[in-house]
C-alpha atoms as a PDB file:
ATOM      1  CA  MET A   1      82.378  97.818  53.986  1.00  0.00           C
ATOM      2  CA  GLY A   2      85.387 100.106  52.657  1.00  0.00           C
ATOM      3  CA  ARG A   3      85.812 100.727  48.960  1.00  0.00           C
ATOM      4  CA  LEU A   4      88.326  98.238  47.944  1.00  0.00           C
ATOM      5  CA  PRO A   5      91.561 100.441  46.744  1.00  0.00           C
ATOM      6  CA  ALA A   6      91.228 101.955  42.841  1.00  0.00           C
ATOM      7  CA  TYR A   7      92.791 100.058  40.146  1.00  0.00           C
ATOM      8  CA  ASP A   8      94.503 103.312  38.004  1.00  0.00           C
ATOM      9  CA  GLY A   9      95.850 100.865  35.027  1.00  0.00           C
ATOM     10  CA  PRO A  10      98.602  97.890  34.580  1.00  0.00           C
ATOM     11  CA  ASP A  11     101.195  99.984  36.391  1.00  0.00           C
ATOM     12  CA  ARG A  12      99.051  99.733  39.497  1.00  0.00           C
ATOM     13  CA  ILE A  13      98.099  96.817  40.950  1.00  0.00           C
ATOM     14  CA  PRO A  14      96.310  96.786  44.479  1.00  0.00           C
ATOM     15  CA  ASP A  15      98.434  95.195  47.255  1.00  0.00           C
ATOM     16  CA  ILE A  16      96.770  91.774  48.187  1.00  0.00           C
ATOM     17  CA  GLU A  17      97.193  93.073  51.869  1.00  0.00           C
ATOM     18  CA  VAL A  18      95.434  96.193  51.360  1.00  0.00           C
ATOM     19  CA  ILE A  19      92.785  94.459  49.917  1.00  0.00           C
ATOM     20  CA  MET A  20      92.279  91.969  52.480  1.00  0.00           C
ATOM     21  CA  SER A  21      92.474  94.836  55.159  1.00  0.00           C
ATOM     22  CA  VAL A  22      89.427  96.649  53.728  1.00  0.00           C
ATOM     23  CA  LEU A  23      87.280  93.516  53.504  1.00  0.00           C
ATOM     24  CA  PRO A  24      84.840  92.241  56.447  1.00  0.00           C
ATOM     25  CA  ALA A  25      86.342  89.040  58.373  1.00  0.00           C
ATOM     26  CA  TRP A  26      84.122  86.534  56.919  1.00  0.00           C
ATOM     27  CA  ALA A  27      85.011  87.142  53.435  1.00  0.00           C
ATOM     28  CA  THR A  28      88.600  85.755  53.910  1.00  0.00           C
ATOM     29  CA  ASP A  29      87.172  83.194  56.895  1.00  0.00           C
ATOM     30  CA  PRO A  30      84.194  82.020  55.818  1.00  0.00           C
ATOM     31  CA  GLU A  31      84.050  79.848  59.075  1.00  0.00           C
ATOM     32  CA  MET A  32      83.110  83.052  60.785  1.00  0.00           C
ATOM     33  CA  LEU A  33      79.419  82.612  59.701  1.00  0.00           C
ATOM     34  CA  LEU A  34      78.988  79.125  61.095  1.00  0.00           C
ATOM     35  CA  ILE A  35      76.937  79.158  64.503  1.00  0.00           C
ATOM     36  CA  THR A  36      76.089  76.446  67.386  1.00  0.00           C
ATOM     37  CA  GLU A  37      73.130  76.742  68.629  1.00  0.00           C
ATOM     38  CA  GLU A  38      74.939  77.228  72.270  1.00  0.00           C
ATOM     39  CA  GLY A  39      76.250  80.045  70.376  1.00  0.00           C
ATOM     40  CA  TYR A  40      73.383  81.468  69.470  1.00  0.00           C
ATOM     41  CA  ASP A  41      72.031  81.479  72.847  1.00  0.00           C
ATOM     42  CA  ALA A  42      74.978  83.520  74.126  1.00  0.00           C
ATOM     43  CA  LEU A  43      74.379  86.618  71.653  1.00  0.00           C
ATOM     44  CA  PRO A  44      72.610  89.303  72.575  1.00  0.00           C
ATOM     45  CA  GLU A  45      69.225  89.595  71.706  1.00  0.00           C
ATOM     46  CA  GLU A  46      69.163  92.378  69.392  1.00  0.00           C
ATOM     47  CA  VAL A  47      72.010  90.562  67.184  1.00  0.00           C
ATOM     48  CA  GLN A  48      69.581  87.003  67.352  1.00  0.00           C
ATOM     49  CA  LYS A  49      66.435  89.245  65.989  1.00  0.00           C
ATOM     50  CA  GLN A  50      68.913  90.316  62.963  1.00  0.00           C
ATOM     51  CA  ILE A  51      69.747  86.695  61.820  1.00  0.00           C
ATOM     52  CA  GLU A  52      68.457  83.511  60.667  1.00  0.00           C
ATOM     53  CA  VAL A  53      70.229  80.160  61.031  1.00  0.00           C
ATOM     54  CA  ILE A  54      70.376  77.296  58.402  1.00  0.00           C
ATOM     55  CA  ASP A  55      72.915  74.188  58.747  1.00  0.00           C
ATOM     56  CA  GLU A  56      74.574  76.345  61.559  1.00  0.00           C
ATOM     57  CA  ARG A  57      75.315  79.088  58.745  1.00  0.00           C
ATOM     58  CA  VAL A  58      74.193  82.600  59.821  1.00  0.00           C
ATOM     59  CA  ILE A  59      72.062  84.400  57.151  1.00  0.00           C
ATOM     60  CA  PHE A  60      71.232  87.715  57.672  1.00  0.00           C
ATOM     61  CA  CYS A  61      67.744  88.951  57.562  1.00  0.00           C
ATOM     62  CA  ARG A  62      66.807  91.900  55.646  1.00  0.00           C
ATOM     63  CA  SER A  63      63.576  93.960  57.324  1.00  0.00           C
ATOM     64  CA  GLY A  64      60.703  94.222  55.290  1.00  0.00           C
ATOM     65  CA  GLY A  65      58.872  97.531  54.193  1.00  0.00           C
ATOM     66  CA  VAL A  66      56.335  98.960  56.022  1.00  0.00           C
ATOM     67  CA  GLU A  67      53.812  97.576  53.925  1.00  0.00           C
ATOM     68  CA  HIS A  68      55.033  94.494  53.781  1.00  0.00           C
ATOM     69  CA  ASN A  69      55.119  94.373  58.008  1.00  0.00           C
ATOM     70  CA  ILE A  70      51.704  96.151  58.373  1.00  0.00           C
ATOM     71  CA  VAL A  71      50.372  93.079  55.902  1.00  0.00           C
ATOM     72  CA  ALA A  72      51.730  90.333  58.395  1.00  0.00           C
ATOM     73  CA  ARG A  73      50.727  92.153  61.502  1.00  0.00           C
ATOM     74  CA  ARG A  74      46.737  92.548  60.174  1.00  0.00           C
ATOM     75  CA  LEU A  75      46.709  88.868  58.998  1.00  0.00           C
ATOM     76  CA  ALA A  76      48.449  87.835  62.435  1.00  0.00           C
ATOM     77  CA  ASN A  77      45.594  90.076  64.167  1.00  0.00           C
ATOM     78  CA  GLY A  78      43.037  88.201  61.853  1.00  0.00           C
ATOM     79  CA  PHE A  79      44.154  84.911  63.176  1.00  0.00           C
ATOM     80  CA  ASP A  80      44.604  86.072  66.367  1.00  0.00           C
ATOM     81  CA  ALA A  81      40.964  86.773  66.344  1.00  0.00           C
ATOM     82  CA  ALA A  82      39.674  83.579  64.741  1.00  0.00           C
ATOM     83  CA  ARG A  83      41.477  81.108  66.875  1.00  0.00           C
ATOM     84  CA  PRO A  84      38.839  79.338  68.924  1.00  0.00           C
ATOM     85  CA  ALA A  85      39.732  78.612  72.655  1.00  0.00           C
ATOM     86  CA  GLU A  86      40.119  74.967  72.215  1.00  0.00           C
ATOM     87  CA  PRO A  87      42.405  73.409  71.155  1.00  0.00           C
ATOM     88  CA  CYS A  88      44.791  75.582  72.555  1.00  0.00           C
ATOM     89  CA  THR A  89      46.627  78.119  69.753  1.00  0.00           C
ATOM     90  CA  ARG A  90      49.017  81.091  69.490  1.00  0.00           C
ATOM     91  CA  VAL A  91      49.919  83.421  67.158  1.00  0.00           C
ATOM     92  CA  VAL A  92      53.362  85.220  66.884  1.00  0.00           C
ATOM     93  CA  THR A  93      54.876  87.283  64.187  1.00  0.00           C
ATOM     94  CA  ASP A  94      58.683  87.444  63.010  1.00  0.00           C
ATOM     95  CA  PHE A  95      59.423  85.056  65.747  1.00  0.00           C
ATOM     96  CA  GLU A  96      61.957  82.245  65.732  1.00  0.00           C
ATOM     97  CA  MET A  97      60.965  78.758  64.329  1.00  0.00           C
ATOM     98  CA  HIS A  98      63.590  76.070  65.606  1.00  0.00           C
ATOM     99  CA  TYR A  99      63.786  73.078  62.579  1.00  0.00           C
ATOM    100  CA  GLN A 100      63.147  69.774  64.864  1.00  0.00           C
ATOM    101  CA  ARG A 101      63.788  67.453  62.168  1.00  0.00           C
ATOM    102  CA  VAL A 102      67.537  67.318  61.178  1.00  0.00           C
ATOM    103  CA  ARG A 103      68.028  66.398  57.705  1.00  0.00           C
ATOM    104  CA  PRO A 104      70.746  63.932  55.985  1.00  0.00           C
ATOM    105  CA  ARG A 105      73.969  65.611  55.505  1.00  0.00           C
ATOM    106  CA  THR A 106      73.234  68.815  57.442  1.00  0.00           C
ATOM    107  CA  ARG A 107      74.542  69.838  60.746  1.00  0.00           C
ATOM    108  CA  GLY A 108      71.546  70.230  62.221  1.00  0.00           C
ATOM    109  CA  PHE A 109      70.871  73.394  63.916  1.00  0.00           C
ATOM    110  CA  SER A 110      68.308  75.628  61.943  1.00  0.00           C
ATOM    111  CA  PHE A 111      65.580  78.097  62.417  1.00  0.00           C
ATOM    112  CA  ARG A 112      63.678  80.801  60.598  1.00  0.00           C
ATOM    113  CA  ARG A 113      61.698  83.563  61.228  1.00  0.00           C
ATOM    114  CA  PRO A 114      58.337  83.503  59.470  1.00  0.00           C
ATOM    115  CA  ASP A 115      56.334  86.490  59.009  1.00  0.00           C
ATOM    116  CA  VAL A 116      53.246  84.890  61.117  1.00  0.00           C
ATOM    117  CA  VAL A 117      53.252  81.080  62.457  1.00  0.00           C
ATOM    118  CA  VAL A 118      50.159  79.916  64.059  1.00  0.00           C
ATOM    119  CA  HIS A 119      51.106  76.888  66.791  1.00  0.00           C
ATOM    120  CA  ARG A 120      49.913  74.598  69.278  1.00  0.00           C
ATOM    121  CA  CYS A 121      50.050  76.327  72.978  1.00  0.00           C
ATOM    122  CA  ILE A 122      53.351  75.306  74.253  1.00  0.00           C
ATOM    123  CA  PRO A 123      54.696  75.824  77.844  1.00  0.00           C
ATOM    124  CA  ARG A 124      56.209  79.793  78.975  1.00  0.00           C
ATOM    125  CA  GLY A 125      60.039  79.953  77.908  1.00  0.00           C
ATOM    126  CA  GLU A 126      59.976  77.013  75.904  1.00  0.00           C
ATOM    127  CA  LYS A 127      61.546  77.543  71.887  1.00  0.00           C
ATOM    128  CA  LEU A 128      58.891  77.190  69.434  1.00  0.00           C
ATOM    129  CA  HIS A 129      60.026  73.901  67.409  1.00  0.00           C
ATOM    130  CA  SER A 130      58.019  73.264  63.606  1.00  0.00           C
ATOM    131  CA  ASP A 131      56.527  70.185  65.410  1.00  0.00           C
ATOM    132  CA  ASP A 132      54.413  72.560  67.175  1.00  0.00           C
ATOM    133  CA  VAL A 133      53.991  74.875  63.912  1.00  0.00           C
ATOM    134  CA  LEU A 134      50.418  74.145  62.477  1.00  0.00           C
ATOM    135  CA  LEU A 135      51.074  77.119  59.627  1.00  0.00           C
ATOM    136  CA  VAL A 136      53.197  79.391  58.189  1.00  0.00           C
ATOM    137  CA  VAL A 137      52.861  82.555  56.183  1.00  0.00           C
ATOM    138  CA  GLU A 138      55.632  84.765  54.507  1.00  0.00           C
ATOM    139  CA  VAL A 139      54.773  87.907  52.552  1.00  0.00           C
ATOM    140  CA  VAL A 140      56.947  88.237  49.786  1.00  0.00           C
ATOM    141  CA  SER A 141      59.267  91.306  49.549  1.00  0.00           C
ATOM    142  CA  PRO A 142      61.704  92.499  46.691  1.00  0.00           C
ATOM    143  CA  GLY A 143      64.543  90.180  46.385  1.00  0.00           C
ATOM    144  CA  SER A 144      62.857  87.122  48.394  1.00  0.00           C
ATOM    145  CA  GLU A 145      60.239  85.563  46.130  1.00  0.00           C
ATOM    146  CA  TYR A 146      62.842  82.922  45.193  1.00  0.00           C
ATOM    147  CA  ILE A 147      63.685  82.415  49.194  1.00  0.00           C
ATOM    148  CA  ASP A 148      59.988  82.554  49.671  1.00  0.00           C
ATOM    149  CA  THR A 149      58.990  79.995  47.117  1.00  0.00           C
ATOM    150  CA  VAL A 150      61.887  77.326  46.729  1.00  0.00           C
ATOM    151  CA  ASP A 151      64.092  77.305  49.460  1.00  0.00           C
ATOM    152  CA  LYS A 152      61.279  78.042  52.409  1.00  0.00           C
ATOM    153  CA  HIS A 153      58.701  76.220  50.174  1.00  0.00           C
ATOM    154  CA  ALA A 154      61.348  73.021  50.541  1.00  0.00           C
ATOM    155  CA  GLU A 155      62.257  73.135  54.206  1.00  0.00           C
ATOM    156  CA  TYR A 156      58.751  74.026  55.620  1.00  0.00           C
ATOM    157  CA  ALA A 157      57.703  70.855  54.254  1.00  0.00           C
ATOM    158  CA  THR A 158      60.494  68.893  55.253  1.00  0.00           C
ATOM    159  CA  GLU A 159      59.476  70.360  58.644  1.00  0.00           C
ATOM    160  CA  GLY A 160      56.282  68.700  58.330  1.00  0.00           C
ATOM    161  CA  ILE A 161      54.311  71.983  58.482  1.00  0.00           C
ATOM    162  CA  PRO A 162      50.788  71.390  57.034  1.00  0.00           C
ATOM    163  CA  VAL A 163      50.128  74.878  55.771  1.00  0.00           C
ATOM    164  CA  TYR A 164      51.954  77.138  54.126  1.00  0.00           C
ATOM    165  CA  LEU A 165      51.034  80.900  52.684  1.00  0.00           C
ATOM    166  CA  VAL A 166      52.765  83.003  50.257  1.00  0.00           C
ATOM    167  CA  VAL A 167      51.236  86.742  50.206  1.00  0.00           C
ATOM    168  CA  HIS A 168      52.094  87.982  46.417  1.00  0.00           C
ATOM    169  CA  LEU A 169      52.145  92.135  46.706  1.00  0.00           C
ATOM    170  CA  ASP A 170      51.020  94.437  43.083  1.00  0.00           C
ATOM    171  CA  ASP A 171      53.606  96.956  42.038  1.00  0.00           C
ATOM    172  CA  GLU A 172      51.481  99.201  44.678  1.00  0.00           C
ATOM    173  CA  LEU A 173      52.361  97.093  47.347  1.00  0.00           C
ATOM    174  CA  ARG A 174      48.881  95.680  48.054  1.00  0.00           C
ATOM    175  CA  VAL A 175      47.687  92.106  48.486  1.00  0.00           C
ATOM    176  CA  LYS A 176      47.362  90.816  44.979  1.00  0.00           C
ATOM    177  CA  ILE A 177      47.071  87.251  45.687  1.00  0.00           C
ATOM    178  CA  ILE A 178      47.879  84.849  48.221  1.00  0.00           C
ATOM    179  CA  GLN A 179      48.749  81.152  47.354  1.00  0.00           C
ATOM    180  CA  GLU A 180      48.139  78.096  49.888  1.00  0.00           C
ATOM    181  CA  TYR A 181      50.380  75.191  50.401  1.00  0.00           C
ATOM    182  CA  ARG A 182      49.199  71.918  51.799  1.00  0.00           C
ATOM    183  CA  LEU A 183      51.572  69.428  53.026  1.00  0.00           C
ATOM    184  CA  ASP A 184      51.057  65.801  51.462  1.00  0.00           C
ATOM    185  CA  TRP A 185      52.296  63.497  54.289  1.00  0.00           C
ATOM    186  CA  ALA A 186      52.715  60.860  51.992  1.00  0.00           C
ATOM    187  CA  SER A 187      55.587  62.437  49.570  1.00  0.00           C
ATOM    188  CA  GLY A 188      56.554  64.874  52.484  1.00  0.00           C
ATOM    189  CA  SER A 189      55.839  67.569  49.817  1.00  0.00           C
ATOM    190  CA  TYR A 190      53.452  70.429  49.357  1.00  0.00           C
ATOM    191  CA  ARG A 191      50.306  70.641  47.274  1.00  0.00           C
ATOM    192  CA  ARG A 192      49.294  73.899  45.714  1.00  0.00           C
ATOM    193  CA  ALA A 193      45.575  74.421  46.565  1.00  0.00           C
ATOM    194  CA  GLU A 194      43.482  77.040  45.035  1.00  0.00           C
ATOM    195  CA  PRO A 195      45.035  80.979  44.975  1.00  0.00           C
ATOM    196  CA  HIS A 196      42.939  82.759  47.596  1.00  0.00           C
ATOM    197  CA  GLN A 197      41.726  85.976  45.890  1.00  0.00           C
ATOM    198  CA  GLU A 198      40.537  89.278  47.265  1.00  0.00           C
ATOM    199  CA  VAL A 199      39.945  87.362  50.632  1.00  0.00           C
ATOM    200  CA  LEU A 200      41.513  84.601  52.636  1.00  0.00           C
ATOM    201  CA  ILE A 201      39.625  81.365  53.583  1.00  0.00           C
ATOM    202  CA  LEU A 202      41.102  78.798  54.992  1.00  0.00           C
ATOM    203  CA  ASN A 203      39.365  75.507  57.266  1.00  0.00           C
ATOM    204  CA  GLU A 204      42.500  74.383  58.378  1.00  0.00           C
ATOM    205  CA  PRO A 205      43.950  74.791  61.360  1.00  0.00           C
ATOM    206  CA  PHE A 206      40.471  76.574  62.041  1.00  0.00           C
ATOM    207  CA  PRO A 207      38.077  78.749  60.134  1.00  0.00           C
ATOM    208  CA  VAL A 208      38.772  81.830  59.160  1.00  0.00           C
ATOM    209  CA  ARG A 209      38.422  84.333  56.364  1.00  0.00           C
ATOM    210  CA  ILE A 210      39.982  87.317  56.353  1.00  0.00           C
ATOM    211  CA  PRO A 211      39.321  89.959  52.907  1.00  0.00           C
ATOM    212  CA  PHE A 212      42.139  91.343  51.458  1.00  0.00           C
ATOM    213  CA  THR A 213      40.666  95.141  52.568  1.00  0.00           C
ATOM    214  CA  ASP A 214      41.598  94.330  56.013  1.00  0.00           C
ATOM    215  CA  LEU A 215      44.836  93.739  55.037  1.00  0.00           C
ATOM    216  CA  ASP A 216      46.548  96.538  53.139  1.00  0.00           C
ATOM    217  CA  SER A 217      47.350 100.190  54.595  1.00  0.00           C
END
């Protein structure tokens, strides 16, 4: 975005038309940030990979740092190595997960791109929906803590995802703690389990044990 015209004092007030001309189009027409599922499907793949959509509103994704991506990839590798032959499950990273449940008073079309997803096997070529998801992992990056611990925490619970893991990094960008949340089906909200320190140990959706030393670069 270009710079706004300089303001030199009371005798010089920037012309509103000049200001509007240097703003991005969506700043003057917020409806431009709305998109339907059909409109999303028509986007080039390289554009699709840069956005998430909540209630038909486009959210631009900021890529995590190197350490963030290494931790996510190694976590995915750990889950992939531990998954049993049956029932059939798959592990994906940074992949669109479409919300299946339409929340009250919302437009409906929504998806996120979790860092790691463990899901039931789906037919080739089909979209991944939240109803098939068994576990989601988000690695907290600078600036994403509120989104990961509040927004997505609520969204994933609403979608009925059984297990949500939030990975917190320390000042040296090494894994400090992994917080586990498990869905309470009666209330439809997450209950916080004991945090994982030094090693991630889970029994669901299948047994897995991943030392933190395997995750750090």
